[in-house]
Amino acid sequence: MKQRSYRSEATLFIEQLKTQRPHLEQQQQQGRSIWWD
């Protein structure tokens, strides 16, 4: 029997957020590049 992997509420929230706002990750990367690259 295959066991279902546990996904926390935080993980589910982030997955839902990324689904609703697909451009969000790209904006995060652009913001990071301002400070760290």
Protein backbone atom coordinates (compact mmCIF):
# COMPACT_ATOMS: atom_id res chain seq x y z
CA MET A 1 0.00 0.00 0.00
CA LYS A 2 1.39 3.39 -0.99
CA GLN A 3 1.40 5.99 1.75
CA ARG A 4 0.26 9.53 1.00
CA SER A 5 2.91 12.11 1.67
CA TYR A 6 2.13 14.76 4.26
CA ARG A 7 1.71 18.33 3.01
CA SER A 8 1.46 21.07 5.60
CA GLU A 9 -1.04 23.91 5.48
CA ALA A 10 1.80 26.26 4.57
CA THR A 11 2.76 24.10 1.59
CA LEU A 12 -0.83 23.91 0.41
CA PHE A 13 -1.16 27.68 0.76
CA ILE A 14 1.97 28.34 -1.30
CA GLU A 15 0.89 25.88 -3.99
CA GLN A 16 -2.53 27.55 -4.18
CA LEU A 17 -0.95 31.01 -4.31
CA LYS A 18 1.35 30.00 -7.17
CA THR A 19 -1.63 28.57 -9.06
CA GLN A 20 -3.63 31.76 -8.61
CA ARG A 21 -0.70 34.05 -9.43
CA PRO A 22 1.61 32.32 -11.91
CA HIS A 23 3.73 35.48 -12.34
CA LEU A 24 4.56 35.64 -8.63
CA GLU A 25 7.70 33.48 -8.78
CA GLN A 26 9.15 35.56 -11.61
CA GLN A 27 8.54 38.76 -9.61
CA GLN A 28 10.30 37.22 -6.61
CA GLN A 29 13.34 36.38 -8.74
CA GLN A 30 13.44 39.91 -10.16
CA GLY A 31 13.27 41.35 -6.65
CA ARG A 32 16.08 39.11 -5.43
CA SER A 33 18.28 40.08 -8.36
CA ILE A 34 18.05 43.73 -7.31
CA TRP A 35 19.55 42.95 -3.91
CA TRP A 36 21.72 39.87 -4.42
CA ASP A 37 23.03 39.80 -8.00
